[in-house]
Protein backbone atom coordinates (compact mmCIF):
# COMPACT_ATOMS: atom_id res chain seq x y z
CA MET A 1 41.17 2.61 31.92
CA GLY A 2 42.68 4.37 28.94
CA ASN A 3 41.72 1.57 26.57
CA SER A 4 38.17 1.49 27.97
CA SER A 5 37.85 5.23 27.54
CA SER A 6 39.02 5.17 23.92
CA LEU A 7 36.76 2.22 23.14
CA LEU A 8 33.67 3.95 24.52
CA SER A 9 34.68 7.18 22.83
CA ALA A 10 34.80 5.33 19.50
CA TYR A 11 31.34 3.89 20.14
CA SER A 12 30.04 7.34 21.03
CA ASP A 13 31.47 8.67 17.77
CA GLN A 14 29.74 5.89 15.84
CA ILE A 15 26.36 6.64 17.45
CA ASN A 16 26.79 10.37 16.92
CA LEU A 17 27.53 9.72 13.25
CA VAL A 18 24.25 7.81 12.89
CA LEU A 19 22.37 10.60 14.67
CA GLN A 20 23.99 13.23 12.47
CA THR A 21 23.15 11.26 9.34
CA PHE A 22 19.56 11.03 10.54
CA GLN A 23 19.42 14.78 11.17
CA ASN A 24 20.89 15.56 7.77
CA THR A 25 18.62 13.28 5.75
CA GLN A 26 15.26 12.72 7.46
CA GLY A 27 13.98 16.24 8.12
CA LYS A 28 11.48 16.27 5.24
CA ALA A 29 10.06 12.89 6.22
CA LEU A 30 9.67 13.99 9.85
CA GLU A 31 7.99 17.19 8.72
CA ALA A 32 5.51 15.31 6.53
CA ALA A 33 4.78 12.80 9.29
CA SER A 34 4.14 15.56 11.81
CA ASN A 35 1.66 17.21 9.44
CA PHE A 36 -0.37 14.00 9.18
CA ILE A 37 -0.41 13.60 12.96
CA VAL A 38 -1.50 17.20 13.57
CA GLU A 39 -4.26 16.79 10.99
CA ALA A 40 -5.49 13.70 12.83
CA PHE A 41 -5.34 15.57 16.15
CA LEU A 42 -7.42 18.44 14.79
CA SER A 43 -9.91 15.97 13.30
CA LYS A 44 -10.23 14.14 16.65
CA LYS A 45 -8.72 11.02 15.16
CA ARG A 46 -6.01 8.96 16.82
CA PHE A 47 -2.26 8.59 16.58
CA LEU A 48 -1.41 4.94 17.23
CA VAL A 49 2.11 3.60 17.75
CA PHE A 50 3.24 0.00 17.36
CA GLY A 51 6.44 -1.98 17.68
CA SER A 52 7.42 -5.52 18.62
CA GLY A 53 10.60 -6.97 20.09
CA HIS A 54 13.10 -4.21 20.76
CA SER A 55 11.04 -1.89 18.54
CA HIS A 56 8.45 -2.12 21.31
CA MET A 57 10.71 0.29 23.22
CA VAL A 58 10.58 2.78 20.36
CA ALA A 59 6.78 2.72 20.43
CA GLU A 60 6.88 3.01 24.22
CA GLU A 61 9.06 6.11 23.95
CA PHE A 62 6.06 8.00 22.58
CA TYR A 63 3.86 7.14 25.53
CA ALA A 64 3.46 8.52 29.06
CA ARG A 65 6.87 10.20 29.17
CA ALA A 66 7.68 13.39 31.02
CA GLY A 67 7.47 16.00 28.28
CA GLY A 68 5.73 13.55 25.96
CA LEU A 69 2.48 13.99 24.07
CA ALA A 70 -0.62 12.62 25.78
CA TYR A 71 -2.21 12.37 22.35
CA VAL A 72 -0.90 8.87 21.67
CA THR A 73 -2.66 5.50 21.55
CA PRO A 74 0.01 2.88 22.27
CA ILE A 75 -0.21 -0.73 21.13
CA LEU A 76 1.94 -2.14 23.92
CA GLN A 77 0.66 -5.62 24.59
CA ASN A 78 3.00 -7.73 26.74
CA GLU A 79 3.41 -10.44 24.13
CA LEU A 80 4.99 -7.88 21.79
CA SER A 81 7.80 -7.12 24.24
CA LEU A 82 10.52 -9.32 25.68
CA THR A 83 8.85 -9.59 29.10
CA ASP A 84 7.00 -12.84 28.36
CA HIS A 85 9.75 -14.61 26.42
CA PRO A 86 12.27 -13.21 23.92
CA LEU A 87 11.31 -15.75 21.27
CA LYS A 88 7.58 -15.22 21.78
CA SER A 89 7.59 -11.71 20.35
CA THR A 90 9.73 -12.95 17.46
CA LEU A 91 7.22 -15.68 16.65
CA ILE A 92 4.28 -13.29 16.96
CA GLU A 93 5.76 -10.71 14.61
CA ARG A 94 6.21 -13.48 12.04
CA THR A 95 2.58 -14.65 12.40
CA LEU A 96 0.55 -12.82 9.76
CA ASP A 97 -2.89 -13.43 11.28
CA MET A 98 -1.96 -11.65 14.52
CA ALA A 99 -2.28 -8.36 12.63
CA LYS A 100 -6.07 -8.66 12.59
CA VAL A 101 -6.08 -9.12 16.37
CA TYR A 102 -4.42 -5.74 16.93
CA PHE A 103 -6.30 -4.03 14.12
CA ASP A 104 -9.66 -5.09 15.59
CA LEU A 105 -8.65 -4.71 19.25
CA TYR A 106 -7.75 -1.06 18.73
CA HIS A 107 -10.68 -0.30 16.40
CA MET A 108 -8.48 1.33 13.78
CA GLU A 109 -10.45 3.48 11.40
CA LYS A 110 -10.16 5.90 8.51
CA GLY A 111 -8.44 9.13 9.45
CA ASP A 112 -6.30 7.60 12.19
CA VAL A 113 -2.51 7.64 11.89
CA LEU A 114 -0.57 4.44 12.59
CA LEU A 115 3.18 4.52 13.21
CA ILE A 116 5.00 1.18 13.05
CA ALA A 117 8.58 0.83 14.26
CA SER A 118 10.44 -2.12 12.74
CA ASN A 119 14.17 -2.09 12.14
CA SER A 120 14.12 -4.83 9.49
CA GLY A 121 10.73 -4.08 7.95
CA ARG A 122 10.54 -7.72 6.84
CA ASN A 123 8.22 -9.54 9.26
CA ALA A 124 4.76 -10.67 8.24
CA MET A 125 2.64 -9.29 11.05
CA PRO A 126 3.76 -5.62 10.99
CA ILE A 127 3.58 -5.65 7.19
CA GLU A 128 0.07 -7.11 7.27
CA LEU A 129 -0.97 -4.55 9.90
CA ALA A 130 0.30 -1.75 7.67
CA LYS A 131 -1.51 -3.26 4.68
CA MET A 132 -4.79 -3.52 6.60
CA ALA A 133 -4.41 0.03 7.87
CA LYS A 134 -3.76 1.42 4.39
CA GLU A 135 -6.75 -0.41 2.98
CA ALA A 136 -8.93 1.01 5.77
CA GLY A 137 -7.88 4.59 5.04
CA LEU A 138 -5.33 5.17 7.78
CA THR A 139 -2.12 7.07 7.22
CA VAL A 140 0.84 4.76 7.84
CA ILE A 141 4.22 6.03 9.03
CA VAL A 142 7.13 3.62 9.46
CA PHE A 143 10.45 3.81 11.29
CA ILE A 144 12.79 1.36 9.57
CA ASN A 145 16.42 0.72 8.67
CA GLU A 146 16.28 1.35 4.92
CA LYS A 147 19.78 0.02 4.34
CA GLN A 148 18.60 -3.39 5.50
CA SER A 149 14.93 -3.30 4.60
CA LYS A 150 15.47 -2.54 0.91
CA VAL A 151 17.48 -5.68 0.24
CA ILE A 152 16.48 -8.29 2.82
CA SER A 153 13.76 -10.77 1.84
CA SER A 154 10.22 -10.22 3.10
CA ARG A 155 8.40 -12.73 5.32
CA HIS A 156 5.03 -11.49 4.04
CA PRO A 157 3.19 -13.54 1.37
CA SER A 158 3.18 -10.53 -0.95
CA GLY A 159 6.96 -10.45 -0.99
CA LYS A 160 6.80 -6.74 -0.12
CA ASN A 161 8.48 -5.04 2.80
CA LEU A 162 6.97 -2.65 5.33
CA ALA A 163 7.80 0.48 3.37
CA SER A 164 5.62 -0.77 0.49
CA TYR A 165 2.50 -0.22 2.60
CA SER A 166 3.43 3.13 4.11
CA ASP A 167 2.77 6.77 3.34
CA ILE A 168 5.87 8.07 5.08
CA VAL A 169 9.16 6.20 5.54
CA ILE A 170 11.57 7.51 8.17
CA ASP A 171 15.00 5.88 8.09
CA ASN A 172 16.85 5.27 11.36
CA CYS A 173 20.07 5.33 9.30
CA GLY A 174 21.45 2.30 11.12
CA ALA A 175 23.96 -0.29 9.98
CA TRP A 176 23.19 -3.56 8.26
CA GLY A 177 22.03 -5.90 11.01
CA ASP A 178 21.64 -2.95 13.42
CA ALA A 179 24.90 -3.61 15.30
CA GLY A 180 27.24 -1.06 13.75
CA PHE A 181 30.24 -0.98 16.08
CA GLU A 182 33.08 -3.37 15.28
CA LEU A 183 34.75 -4.49 18.49
CA ALA A 184 37.41 -6.63 16.83
CA ASP A 185 37.81 -9.20 14.06
CA GLY A 186 34.37 -8.59 12.60
CA LEU A 187 32.57 -8.88 15.97
CA MET A 188 29.74 -6.37 15.67
CA MET A 189 28.04 -4.84 18.72
CA GLY A 190 26.36 -1.60 19.79
CA SER A 191 22.95 -1.69 18.09
CA SER A 192 21.76 1.82 17.29
CA SER A 193 18.06 1.33 16.52
CA THR A 194 16.84 1.88 20.09
CA ILE A 195 19.00 4.94 20.77
CA VAL A 196 18.17 6.53 17.44
CA GLY A 197 14.57 5.30 17.62
CA ALA A 198 14.07 7.15 20.90
CA TYR A 199 15.52 10.27 19.30
CA MET A 200 13.19 9.83 16.33
CA ALA A 201 10.17 9.50 18.62
CA GLN A 202 11.08 12.58 20.62
CA SER A 203 11.88 14.59 17.48
CA LEU A 204 8.54 13.76 15.91
CA SER A 205 6.69 14.52 19.15
CA ILE A 206 8.37 17.93 19.41
CA LEU A 207 7.47 18.79 15.81
CA VAL A 208 3.84 17.82 16.39
CA ALA A 209 3.69 19.85 19.60
CA SER A 210 5.22 22.90 17.93
CA LYS A 211 2.61 22.83 15.17
CA ILE A 212 -0.27 22.46 17.64
CA LYS A 213 1.11 25.33 19.73
CA ALA A 214 1.45 27.50 16.61
CA LEU A 215 -2.32 27.16 16.19
CA ASP A 216 -2.75 28.63 19.69
CA ILE A 217 -4.10 25.32 20.98
CA GLU A 218 -3.03 23.94 24.35
CA VAL A 219 -0.51 21.15 23.81
CA PRO A 220 -1.36 18.01 25.83
CA VAL A 221 2.00 17.12 27.39
CA PHE A 222 2.66 14.90 30.38
CA ARG A 223 4.75 16.11 33.32
CA SER A 224 7.10 14.00 35.39
CA SER A 225 5.09 12.17 38.04
CA ASN A 226 7.88 13.03 40.46
CA LEU A 227 7.07 16.74 40.29
CA ASP A 228 4.62 18.16 42.82
CA GLY A 229 1.20 18.75 41.29
CA ALA A 230 1.90 16.58 38.28
CA ASP A 231 -0.41 13.74 39.28
CA GLN A 232 -3.59 15.78 38.81
CA HIS A 233 -2.35 17.27 35.55
CA ASN A 234 -1.46 13.84 34.19
CA LYS A 235 -4.73 12.29 35.38
CA GLU A 236 -6.71 14.89 33.46
CA LEU A 237 -4.73 14.10 30.31
CA MET A 238 -5.14 10.35 30.84
CA ASP A 239 -8.90 10.80 31.27
CA ARG A 240 -9.04 12.87 28.10
CA PHE A 241 -6.81 10.91 25.76
CA CYS A 242 -6.25 7.43 27.13
CA LYS A 243 -9.73 5.97 27.19
CA SER A 244 -9.92 5.17 23.50
CA TYR A 245 -8.34 1.74 23.82
């Protein structure tokens, strides 16, 4: 029991270090990203979120959560997650032409904000989606692992990584290869991108909400569906914000 406790304590310390590094270094990027999203909200444009593989969970963290913004258009198709087949989402995120499917399906247009979560920032489809969005006049925000993304080879024909087609880069401050906890003898475990990615999503949502509230505008926030009276409140928000896709 003692060994288990010390092991998990060490892992907790490692995760807390990543979170602290994120807090200490990414404030300006979060602030800039929140300003773009608020501007889109005020202009009646959309805030879209995208992620594939395990980054799908980071995109999902923005959507339909208790205390989460209703002003979110999620790109959460099943084939992007691990529910169909773990290798399917991997193949799709490497297939460049799939970007046009999502771009057209969600009618992305000038003035919208697109956030793409991708730990590696190397795969062809998310990069192409960011490129198409930039060319169409969208603001592109990315959540990536800069330590890895800056040096790993791109799978996009341009040779560029995801950050090259973004307006705002927010670093999840993770380890090379995501797994940053050494169990023993070089065996790496304990990926941080989902834990920190959820924190990033919630942090950005809170900043956006605070700016909207400062303008004396009602902030569209979901309540837990397990609270009495929440169903009607949430339905009204769904009717207002979730019919654009």
